[in-house]
Amino acid sequence: MYCCRHYHQLDLNQTNQDDPYYVSLRARAKDEGDEMASYFEESKRAYRAGDGAKAKMLSNEGKDHKAMMEQLDTEASAWIYASESYRFSNR
């Protein structure tokens, strides 16, 4: 009996994970992460080719995408936490 009740609570905790706003934040964070990886890869190639200035510029672009990815992930985490807290406090 406890097992089933616990499972039901876990399911309730995940209801807001399908919210369009939350999904959008996570998707944008993933896109930023993909861009970050791309810039870092290009930076490595430029460095190996001997173009330090280009490598530095690309690395900085990658860092900008990393910062945006982290900001979006933080915003998504805060949103889901707040929405879950609100929902459970109003039961």
C-alpha atoms as a PDB file:
ATOM      1  CA  MET A   1       0.000   0.000   0.000  1.00  0.00           C
ATOM      2  CA  TYR A   2       2.799   2.454   0.886  1.00  0.00           C
ATOM      3  CA  CYS A   3       4.558   1.651  -2.388  1.00  0.00           C
ATOM      4  CA  CYS A   4       1.564   2.595  -4.494  1.00  0.00           C
ATOM      5  CA  ARG A   5       0.886   5.787  -2.553  1.00  0.00           C
ATOM      6  CA  HIS A   6       4.525   6.813  -2.928  1.00  0.00           C
ATOM      7  CA  TYR A   7       4.342   6.187  -6.682  1.00  0.00           C
ATOM      8  CA  HIS A   8       1.233   8.341  -6.927  1.00  0.00           C
ATOM      9  CA  GLN A   9       3.018  11.197  -5.149  1.00  0.00           C
ATOM     10  CA  LEU A  10       5.927  11.002  -7.571  1.00  0.00           C
ATOM     11  CA  ASP A  11       3.505  11.219 -10.458  1.00  0.00           C
ATOM     12  CA  LEU A  12       1.903  14.322  -8.955  1.00  0.00           C
ATOM     13  CA  ASN A  13       5.328  15.938  -8.605  1.00  0.00           C
ATOM     14  CA  GLN A  14       5.840  15.678 -12.340  1.00  0.00           C
ATOM     15  CA  THR A  15       2.581  17.215 -13.552  1.00  0.00           C
ATOM     16  CA  ASN A  16       4.050  20.640 -14.340  1.00  0.00           C
ATOM     17  CA  GLN A  17       6.913  19.184 -16.358  1.00  0.00           C
ATOM     18  CA  ASP A  18       4.643  19.202 -19.419  1.00  0.00           C
ATOM     19  CA  ASP A  19       3.807  22.892 -19.032  1.00  0.00           C
ATOM     20  CA  PRO A  20       4.608  24.735 -22.302  1.00  0.00           C
ATOM     21  CA  TYR A  21       6.557  27.497 -20.534  1.00  0.00           C
ATOM     22  CA  TYR A  22       8.717  25.011 -18.640  1.00  0.00           C
ATOM     23  CA  VAL A  23       9.270  22.864 -21.744  1.00  0.00           C
ATOM     24  CA  SER A  24      10.200  26.001 -23.697  1.00  0.00           C
ATOM     25  CA  LEU A  25      12.806  27.022 -21.112  1.00  0.00           C
ATOM     26  CA  ARG A  26      14.379  23.570 -21.132  1.00  0.00           C
ATOM     27  CA  ALA A  27      14.371  23.441 -24.954  1.00  0.00           C
ATOM     28  CA  ARG A  28      16.020  26.862 -25.175  1.00  0.00           C
ATOM     29  CA  ALA A  29      18.632  25.775 -22.618  1.00  0.00           C
ATOM     30  CA  LYS A  30      19.350  22.666 -24.691  1.00  0.00           C
ATOM     31  CA  ASP A  31      19.730  24.789 -27.829  1.00  0.00           C
ATOM     32  CA  GLU A  32      22.151  27.079 -26.010  1.00  0.00           C
ATOM     33  CA  GLY A  33      24.104  24.030 -24.861  1.00  0.00           C
ATOM     34  CA  ASP A  34      24.312  22.780 -28.432  1.00  0.00           C
ATOM     35  CA  GLU A  35      25.575  26.192 -29.570  1.00  0.00           C
ATOM     36  CA  MET A  36      28.094  26.233 -26.724  1.00  0.00           C
ATOM     37  CA  ALA A  37      29.479  22.850 -27.746  1.00  0.00           C
ATOM     38  CA  SER A  38      29.700  23.946 -31.367  1.00  0.00           C
ATOM     39  CA  TYR A  39      31.651  27.101 -30.532  1.00  0.00           C
ATOM     40  CA  PHE A  40      34.023  25.230 -28.232  1.00  0.00           C
ATOM     41  CA  GLU A  41      34.667  22.650 -30.946  1.00  0.00           C
ATOM     42  CA  GLU A  42      35.348  25.397 -33.491  1.00  0.00           C
ATOM     43  CA  SER A  43      37.618  27.080 -30.958  1.00  0.00           C
ATOM     44  CA  LYS A  44      39.665  23.890 -30.594  1.00  0.00           C
ATOM     45  CA  ARG A  45      39.997  23.600 -34.358  1.00  0.00           C
ATOM     46  CA  ALA A  46      41.142  27.212 -34.673  1.00  0.00           C
ATOM     47  CA  TYR A  47      43.681  26.724 -31.887  1.00  0.00           C
ATOM     48  CA  ARG A  48      45.067  23.569 -33.512  1.00  0.00           C
ATOM     49  CA  ALA A  49      45.328  25.482 -36.802  1.00  0.00           C
ATOM     50  CA  GLY A  50      47.413  28.139 -35.068  1.00  0.00           C
ATOM     51  CA  ASP A  51      44.807  30.911 -35.022  1.00  0.00           C
ATOM     52  CA  GLY A  52      44.855  31.884 -31.364  1.00  0.00           C
ATOM     53  CA  ALA A  53      42.847  35.080 -31.824  1.00  0.00           C
ATOM     54  CA  LYS A  54      40.011  33.241 -33.569  1.00  0.00           C
ATOM     55  CA  ALA A  55      40.163  30.473 -30.970  1.00  0.00           C
ATOM     56  CA  LYS A  56      39.808  33.016 -28.170  1.00  0.00           C
ATOM     57  CA  MET A  57      36.871  34.747 -29.898  1.00  0.00           C
ATOM     58  CA  LEU A  58      35.086  31.414 -30.449  1.00  0.00           C
ATOM     59  CA  SER A  59      35.796  30.331 -26.883  1.00  0.00           C
ATOM     60  CA  ASN A  60      34.258  33.554 -25.578  1.00  0.00           C
ATOM     61  CA  GLU A  61      31.177  32.946 -27.739  1.00  0.00           C
ATOM     62  CA  GLY A  62      30.950  29.451 -26.259  1.00  0.00           C
ATOM     63  CA  LYS A  63      31.166  30.903 -22.752  1.00  0.00           C
ATOM     64  CA  ASP A  64      28.334  33.310 -23.570  1.00  0.00           C
ATOM     65  CA  HIS A  65      26.139  30.404 -24.685  1.00  0.00           C
ATOM     66  CA  LYS A  66      27.121  28.467 -21.563  1.00  0.00           C
ATOM     67  CA  ALA A  67      26.043  31.375 -19.362  1.00  0.00           C
ATOM     68  CA  MET A  68      22.711  31.646 -21.188  1.00  0.00           C
ATOM     69  CA  MET A  69      22.169  27.880 -20.913  1.00  0.00           C
ATOM     70  CA  GLU A  70      22.795  28.011 -17.166  1.00  0.00           C
ATOM     71  CA  GLN A  71      20.503  31.026 -16.774  1.00  0.00           C
ATOM     72  CA  LEU A  72      17.671  29.256 -18.617  1.00  0.00           C
ATOM     73  CA  ASP A  73      18.184  26.063 -16.592  1.00  0.00           C
ATOM     74  CA  THR A  74      18.108  28.070 -13.370  1.00  0.00           C
ATOM     75  CA  GLU A  75      14.944  29.858 -14.482  1.00  0.00           C
ATOM     76  CA  ALA A  76      13.286  26.541 -15.381  1.00  0.00           C
ATOM     77  CA  SER A  77      14.280  25.001 -12.048  1.00  0.00           C
ATOM     78  CA  ALA A  78      13.000  28.004 -10.113  1.00  0.00           C
ATOM     79  CA  TRP A  79       9.742  28.003 -12.069  1.00  0.00           C
ATOM     80  CA  ILE A  80       9.060  24.305 -11.533  1.00  0.00           C
ATOM     81  CA  TYR A  81       9.938  24.582  -7.835  1.00  0.00           C
ATOM     82  CA  ALA A  82       7.658  27.593  -7.350  1.00  0.00           C
ATOM     83  CA  SER A  83       4.769  26.023  -9.239  1.00  0.00           C
ATOM     84  CA  GLU A  84       5.072  22.753  -7.304  1.00  0.00           C
ATOM     85  CA  SER A  85       5.364  24.578  -3.984  1.00  0.00           C
ATOM     86  CA  TYR A  86       2.299  26.676  -4.787  1.00  0.00           C
ATOM     87  CA  ARG A  87       0.290  23.665  -5.894  1.00  0.00           C
ATOM     88  CA  PHE A  88       1.137  21.628  -2.798  1.00  0.00           C
ATOM     89  CA  SER A  89       0.580  24.519  -0.377  1.00  0.00           C
ATOM     90  CA  ASN A  90      -2.948  25.018  -1.738  1.00  0.00           C
ATOM     91  CA  ARG A  91      -4.187  21.479  -1.242  1.00  0.00           C
END
